[in-house]
Protein backbone atom coordinates (compact mmCIF):
# COMPACT_ATOMS: atom_id res chain seq x y z
CA MET A 1 -17.83 -14.90 8.33
CA LEU A 2 -17.75 -13.58 4.51
CA ALA A 3 -17.09 -9.91 5.93
CA PHE A 4 -13.82 -11.72 7.93
CA LEU A 5 -12.53 -13.32 5.14
CA LEU A 6 -13.20 -10.26 2.68
CA GLY A 7 -11.00 -8.60 5.08
CA LEU A 8 -8.08 -10.90 5.55
CA ILE A 9 -8.21 -11.63 1.84
CA ALA A 10 -8.03 -7.88 1.06
CA GLY A 11 -4.94 -7.45 3.46
CA ALA A 12 -3.25 -10.81 2.05
CA ALA A 13 -3.89 -9.14 -1.34
CA SER A 14 -1.36 -6.06 -0.61
CA PRO A 15 1.62 -7.79 -0.36
CA THR A 16 0.76 -10.00 -3.26
CA GLN A 17 0.32 -7.00 -5.59
CA ALA A 18 3.98 -5.74 -4.13
CA SER A 19 5.10 -9.12 -5.29
CA VAL A 20 3.77 -9.02 -8.90
CA ASN A 21 4.85 -5.28 -9.58
CA ALA A 22 8.42 -5.82 -8.33
CA ARG A 23 7.92 -9.14 -11.03
CA ILE A 24 6.62 -6.57 -13.73
CA ARG A 25 9.67 -4.12 -12.92
CA GLU A 26 12.08 -7.32 -13.88
CA ASP A 27 10.47 -7.21 -17.09
CA PHE A 28 10.07 -3.82 -17.98
CA LYS A 29 13.48 -2.78 -16.29
CA SER A 30 12.03 0.56 -15.04
CA PRO A 31 9.61 1.16 -11.69
CA TYR A 32 7.91 4.34 -13.76
CA ILE A 33 6.60 2.44 -16.58
CA THR A 34 5.67 -0.89 -14.03
CA THR A 35 3.44 2.21 -11.79
CA ILE A 36 1.74 3.26 -14.93
CA VAL A 37 1.12 0.15 -16.50
CA ASN A 38 -0.34 -1.01 -12.94
CA PHE A 39 -2.91 2.32 -12.62
CA ILE A 40 -3.78 1.78 -16.45
CA VAL A 41 -5.02 -1.93 -16.00
CA ALA A 42 -6.30 -0.86 -12.55
CA ALA A 43 -8.69 1.90 -14.09
CA LEU A 44 -9.65 0.33 -16.59
CA LEU A 45 -10.65 -3.08 -14.32
CA LEU A 46 -12.50 -0.69 -12.01
CA ALA A 47 -14.34 1.15 -14.73
CA ALA A 48 -15.55 -1.79 -15.62
CA VAL A 49 -16.41 -3.08 -12.59
CA ILE A 50 -18.65 0.18 -12.00
CA LEU A 51 -20.41 -0.12 -15.16
CA VAL A 52 -21.60 -3.83 -14.08
CA VAL A 53 -22.37 -2.88 -10.49
CA GLU A 54 -23.67 0.67 -10.61
CA ARG A 55 -24.59 0.75 -14.46
CA ASN A 56 -23.12 4.42 -14.63
CA LEU A 57 -19.98 6.50 -14.54
CA TYR A 58 -21.27 9.60 -13.79
CA ILE A 59 -19.24 11.66 -11.25
CA PRO A 60 -19.95 15.02 -10.18
CA LEU A 61 -16.75 16.28 -10.50
CA GLY A 62 -17.83 20.35 -10.32
CA THR A 63 -19.21 19.52 -6.92
CA ILE A 64 -15.68 17.96 -5.90
CA ALA A 65 -13.77 20.70 -7.66
CA ARG A 66 -14.97 23.22 -4.82
CA GLU A 67 -13.48 21.05 -2.14
CA PRO A 68 -9.98 21.93 -0.80
CA PHE A 69 -7.28 20.84 -3.40
CA TRP A 70 -6.12 17.69 -1.17
CA ILE A 71 -9.32 15.83 -1.91
CA TRP A 72 -7.68 15.02 -5.07
CA LEU A 73 -4.29 13.69 -3.71
CA GLY A 74 -5.22 10.29 -2.96
CA GLY A 75 -4.15 9.14 -5.92
CA ALA A 76 -0.59 10.93 -5.72
CA CYS A 77 -0.12 9.10 -2.72
CA GLY A 78 -1.05 6.06 -4.82
CA THR A 79 1.75 6.77 -6.93
CA ALA A 80 3.70 6.98 -4.16
CA ILE A 81 2.56 3.36 -2.69
CA VAL A 82 3.11 1.66 -5.88
CA ILE A 83 6.47 2.84 -6.65
CA LEU A 84 8.11 2.86 -2.96
CA ASN A 85 6.90 -0.74 -2.48
CA ILE A 86 8.42 -1.49 -5.77
CA ILE A 87 11.50 -0.52 -4.82
CA CYS A 88 11.39 -1.51 -1.17
CA LEU A 89 10.21 -4.60 -1.48
CA PRO A 90 13.59 -6.62 -3.18
CA LYS A 91 15.65 -5.08 -0.51
CA LEU A 92 13.67 -5.88 2.87
CA GLY A 93 11.85 -9.37 2.00
CA SER A 94 7.94 -9.30 1.93
CA ALA A 95 7.46 -9.45 5.73
CA LEU A 96 9.66 -7.16 6.49
CA ASN A 97 8.80 -4.22 3.80
CA VAL A 98 4.45 -5.22 4.95
CA MET A 99 5.34 -4.40 8.76
CA LEU A 100 7.38 -1.62 7.80
CA ILE A 101 4.24 -0.09 5.78
CA CYS A 102 1.65 -1.48 8.49
CA PHE A 103 3.96 1.05 11.53
CA GLY A 104 4.14 4.16 9.61
CA GLN A 105 0.16 3.38 8.46
CA ILE A 106 -0.78 3.32 11.93
CA MET A 107 1.59 5.85 13.11
CA THR A 108 -0.41 8.15 10.61
CA GLY A 109 -3.11 6.95 11.67
CA LEU A 110 -2.87 8.05 15.17
CA ILE A 111 -2.10 11.74 14.00
CA VAL A 112 -4.64 12.20 11.54
CA ASP A 113 -6.87 10.75 14.47
CA HIS A 114 -6.04 12.85 17.01
CA PHE A 115 -6.43 16.42 14.80
CA GLY A 116 -8.98 15.29 12.97
CA LEU A 117 -7.23 15.69 9.54
CA PHE A 118 -9.09 15.27 5.93
CA TYR A 119 -12.40 15.70 7.60
CA SER A 120 -12.10 12.45 9.46
CA PRO A 121 -13.81 12.05 13.22
CA ALA A 122 -11.09 13.49 15.71
CA ALA A 123 -10.38 10.57 18.06
CA PRO A 124 -7.64 12.33 20.74
CA MET A 125 -4.65 10.70 21.77
CA SER A 126 -4.97 8.35 24.67
CA LEU A 127 -2.67 6.73 26.98
CA MET A 128 -4.39 3.69 25.67
CA ARG A 129 -3.32 4.47 22.00
CA LEU A 130 -0.20 5.65 22.72
CA LEU A 131 0.49 1.83 24.71
CA GLY A 132 -0.60 0.06 21.49
CA ALA A 133 1.63 2.33 19.41
CA LEU A 134 4.66 1.34 21.54
CA ILE A 135 3.66 -2.08 21.31
CA VAL A 136 3.69 -2.08 17.91
CA PHE A 137 7.16 -0.34 17.61
CA ALA A 138 8.21 -3.10 19.73
CA GLY A 139 7.06 -5.55 17.20
CA ILE A 140 8.53 -3.86 14.24
CA TRP A 141 12.01 -3.97 16.66
CA LEU A 142 11.91 -7.41 16.85
CA VAL A 143 11.37 -8.27 13.27
CA ASN A 144 14.34 -6.42 12.53
CA SER A 145 16.75 -7.11 15.31
CA ARG A 146 17.68 -10.75 13.97
CA GLY A 147 20.94 -10.87 16.30
CA ASN A 148 22.68 -10.91 13.21
CA SER A 149 25.80 -8.65 14.06
CA GLY A 150 27.94 -8.94 11.00
CA SER A 151 25.61 -7.48 9.16
CA ARG A 152 25.50 -4.26 11.40
CA GLY A 153 27.99 -1.15 9.52
CA SER A 154 27.56 -0.48 5.80
CA ALA A 155 25.10 -3.06 4.77
CA GLN A 156 22.94 -2.13 7.75
CA LYS A 157 23.23 1.50 6.67
CA SER A 158 22.43 0.63 2.94
CA VAL A 159 19.25 -0.59 4.17
CA LEU A 160 18.35 2.22 6.50
CA LEU A 161 17.31 3.91 3.29
CA TYR A 162 14.78 1.46 2.46
CA VAL A 163 13.49 1.20 6.26
CA ILE A 164 12.69 5.11 6.03
CA LEU A 165 10.83 4.64 2.39
CA ALA A 166 8.83 1.72 3.57
CA ILE A 167 7.90 3.86 6.33
CA PHE A 168 6.71 6.92 4.28
CA CYS A 169 4.73 4.30 2.29
CA GLY A 170 2.66 3.83 5.09
CA PHE A 171 2.46 7.21 5.76
CA ALA A 172 1.06 7.62 2.56
CA CYS A 173 -1.13 4.48 2.54
CA ALA A 174 -3.07 5.76 5.89
CA ALA A 175 -3.22 9.68 4.16
CA GLN A 176 -4.67 7.74 1.12
CA VAL A 177 -7.20 6.03 3.28
CA ALA A 178 -8.48 9.36 4.73
CA ILE A 179 -8.55 11.34 1.81
CA ASN A 180 -10.24 8.49 -0.12
CA GLY A 181 -12.97 8.39 2.61
CA ALA A 182 -13.50 12.07 2.64
CA LEU A 183 -13.86 11.79 -1.10
CA ARG A 184 -15.96 8.90 -1.18
CA GLY A 185 -19.25 11.45 0.12
CA PHE A 186 -18.43 13.25 -2.68
CA ALA A 187 -18.04 11.00 -5.56
CA GLY A 188 -21.25 8.92 -4.64
CA SER A 189 -19.53 5.46 -4.24
CA ALA A 190 -16.42 3.96 -2.73
CA LEU A 191 -15.71 2.78 -6.07
CA LYS A 192 -16.16 6.09 -8.17
CA ALA A 193 -13.97 7.82 -5.92
CA THR A 194 -11.14 4.91 -6.00
CA LEU A 195 -11.74 5.30 -9.42
CA ILE A 196 -10.89 9.41 -9.40
CA SER A 197 -8.08 7.81 -7.04
CA MET A 198 -6.73 5.76 -9.36
CA SER A 199 -7.05 7.96 -12.36
CA VAL A 200 -4.98 10.77 -10.54
CA GLY A 201 -2.56 8.01 -9.82
CA LEU A 202 -1.92 7.47 -13.48
CA ILE A 203 -1.70 11.53 -14.06
CA THR A 204 0.83 11.72 -11.36
CA ALA A 205 2.42 8.69 -12.43
CA ILE A 206 2.93 10.21 -16.29
CA ILE A 207 3.97 13.76 -14.87
CA VAL A 208 6.73 12.03 -12.67
CA THR A 209 8.14 10.04 -15.14
CA ALA A 210 8.59 12.75 -17.71
CA ILE A 211 9.94 15.02 -15.27
CA VAL A 212 12.82 12.03 -14.92
CA ILE A 213 13.27 11.95 -18.67
CA VAL A 214 13.36 15.50 -18.61
CA MET A 215 16.59 15.81 -15.94
CA LYS A 216 18.36 12.36 -16.57
CA GLY A 217 17.12 11.83 -20.31
CA LYS A 218 14.76 8.71 -21.50
CA ALA A 219 17.70 6.21 -20.16
CA GLY A 220 16.89 7.82 -16.47
CA ILE A 221 13.86 5.70 -15.94
CA TYR A 222 15.09 2.37 -16.51
CA ASP A 223 17.21 0.39 -14.34
CA ASP A 224 20.04 -0.55 -16.49
CA GLY A 225 19.92 2.90 -18.54
CA GLN A 226 18.72 0.49 -21.75
CA VAL A 227 16.35 2.03 -23.43
CA ASP A 228 15.37 -0.33 -26.37
CA THR A 229 14.75 -2.91 -23.77
CA PRO A 230 11.99 -5.82 -25.36
CA VAL A 231 9.28 -6.70 -23.38
CA ARG A 232 7.00 -9.66 -23.86
CA PHE A 233 3.43 -9.01 -22.22
CA ARG A 234 2.29 -11.93 -20.31
CA PHE A 235 -1.12 -12.38 -18.81
CA TRP A 236 -0.38 -12.32 -15.21
CA MET A 237 1.05 -8.61 -15.56
CA ILE A 238 -2.43 -7.51 -15.35
CA GLY A 239 -2.32 -9.05 -11.86
CA GLY A 240 -1.08 -5.99 -9.83
CA GLY A 241 -4.38 -3.77 -11.60
CA GLY A 242 -6.23 -6.58 -10.61
CA LEU A 243 -5.16 -7.24 -6.65
CA ALA A 244 -6.11 -3.54 -6.15
CA ILE A 245 -9.31 -4.49 -7.28
CA VAL A 246 -9.58 -7.08 -5.11
CA ILE A 247 -8.45 -5.20 -2.25
CA VAL A 248 -10.73 -2.12 -2.70
CA ALA A 249 -14.21 -4.41 -3.02
CA GLY A 250 -12.94 -6.25 -0.14
CA ASN A 251 -12.90 -3.48 2.07
CA ALA A 252 -15.53 -1.73 0.58
CA VAL A 253 -18.12 -4.72 1.29
CA ALA A 254 -16.04 -5.34 4.69
CA ALA A 255 -16.04 -2.07 6.51
CA PRO A 256 -19.77 -1.31 6.78
CA MET A 257 -20.26 -5.02 7.93
CA LEU A 258 -17.80 -5.12 10.80
CA GLY A 259 -16.21 -1.69 11.09
CA THR A 260 -13.70 0.68 10.21
CA GLY A 261 -11.53 -1.06 13.51
CA VAL A 262 -11.83 -4.77 12.94
CA VAL A 263 -11.21 -4.40 9.16
CA THR A 264 -7.55 -2.87 10.03
CA ILE A 265 -7.04 -5.49 12.29
CA LEU A 266 -8.06 -8.25 9.66
CA ASN A 267 -6.57 -5.91 7.30
CA LEU A 268 -3.28 -6.39 9.12
CA VAL A 269 -3.02 -9.85 9.48
CA GLY A 270 -3.71 -11.00 6.31
CA MET A 271 -0.93 -8.76 5.07
CA MET A 272 1.49 -9.85 7.46
CA ALA A 273 0.91 -13.54 7.25
CA ALA A 274 1.09 -13.48 3.61
CA GLY A 275 4.10 -11.41 3.55
CA LEU A 276 5.91 -14.58 5.97
CA VAL A 277 4.42 -16.75 3.10
CA ILE A 278 5.78 -14.92 0.32
CA ASP A 279 9.40 -14.57 2.00
CA ALA A 280 9.47 -18.34 2.85
CA ALA A 281 7.93 -19.18 -0.30
CA GLY A 282 10.19 -16.91 -2.51
CA PHE A 283 6.86 -15.96 -4.83
CA LEU A 284 7.72 -14.98 -8.27
CA GLY A 285 11.17 -14.89 -7.69
CA ILE A 286 11.79 -12.77 -4.60
CA GLU A 287 14.82 -13.88 -2.28
CA LYS A 288 13.86 -16.52 0.17
CA LYS A 289 13.63 -15.55 3.56
CA PRO A 290 12.85 -18.07 6.36
CA VAL A 291 9.92 -17.73 8.55
CA THR A 292 11.47 -17.24 12.49
CA LEU A 293 10.05 -16.84 15.83
CA ALA A 294 10.90 -13.35 15.97
CA LYS A 295 8.70 -12.66 12.54
CA VAL A 296 6.20 -14.40 13.97
CA ALA A 297 6.28 -12.99 17.23
CA GLY A 298 6.62 -9.18 16.30
CA MET A 299 3.48 -10.14 14.37
CA ILE A 300 1.36 -10.90 16.87
CA LEU A 301 2.61 -8.04 18.97
CA MET A 302 1.85 -5.94 16.13
CA THR A 303 -1.44 -7.51 15.86
CA GLY A 304 -2.19 -7.28 19.30
CA GLY A 305 -0.76 -2.94 19.51
CA ALA A 306 -3.41 -1.99 16.43
CA ALA A 307 -6.10 -4.03 17.83
CA ILE A 308 -5.64 -1.96 21.12
CA ILE A 309 -5.27 1.11 19.19
CA SER A 310 -8.25 0.39 16.48
CA LEU A 311 -10.86 -1.05 19.16
CA LEU A 312 -10.37 0.59 22.75
């Protein structure tokens, strides 16, 4: 029972983390600084957890360095996930953002499984897995098809970019899971693999920020171009990094007990349920969006499709 609960909590923590980071962005006025802060907090908290749980921070970097270069790219995927979540969530709402990410994650997972990428066990595409993918797509269409003909045209076109970015965020999620799964074997533990990933993510975020500064000047990393924007630190700002630990730890405990397929479904249910609640409540100032029958039906369809892909 505890493992099932942890799987749901880990899933629910994902859109909550995105909401917290989006709120932090409003204070910092910069998705880049928000991403850097998120990784710093997460890495420090995770290092503390490792010291308590495993009593050492030793990581065999020499062994890992002999592996293919992509073994380090989980952190770069993490940077993309955080930045894209921060950008897309205010435009799409939590529920739709989560469902699009899930769609991208499931589709990418099918590709990774089919070709056995990143040292993953090969699981060739089958008619049942293809059926599951089509059901997931039907769920996404149902959620996004609200019957608002008046919202079509230029307004919908402007949203299309964020839809694509959210799906790409899902691609990054699936790639990160596969890469960190391979990294876990070389690092000696899931927590240490995640620490490496977060450290690389922090470095990537700093490099991306530096490139933007070189190309656009310091003002280019801020939403309003105002460099000297005062920011007052508040304790809840560490929540983004703290929730990252909840996601990692929850799945690390639940997956060996229930299996990856079951945990994937629990994560999906937790993510989408939390997304609907966040939208309905207007959590941390996010624009309120009502929970509709179409959204609930779409969530059920997506969950069923993911179950077919993961369990059959």
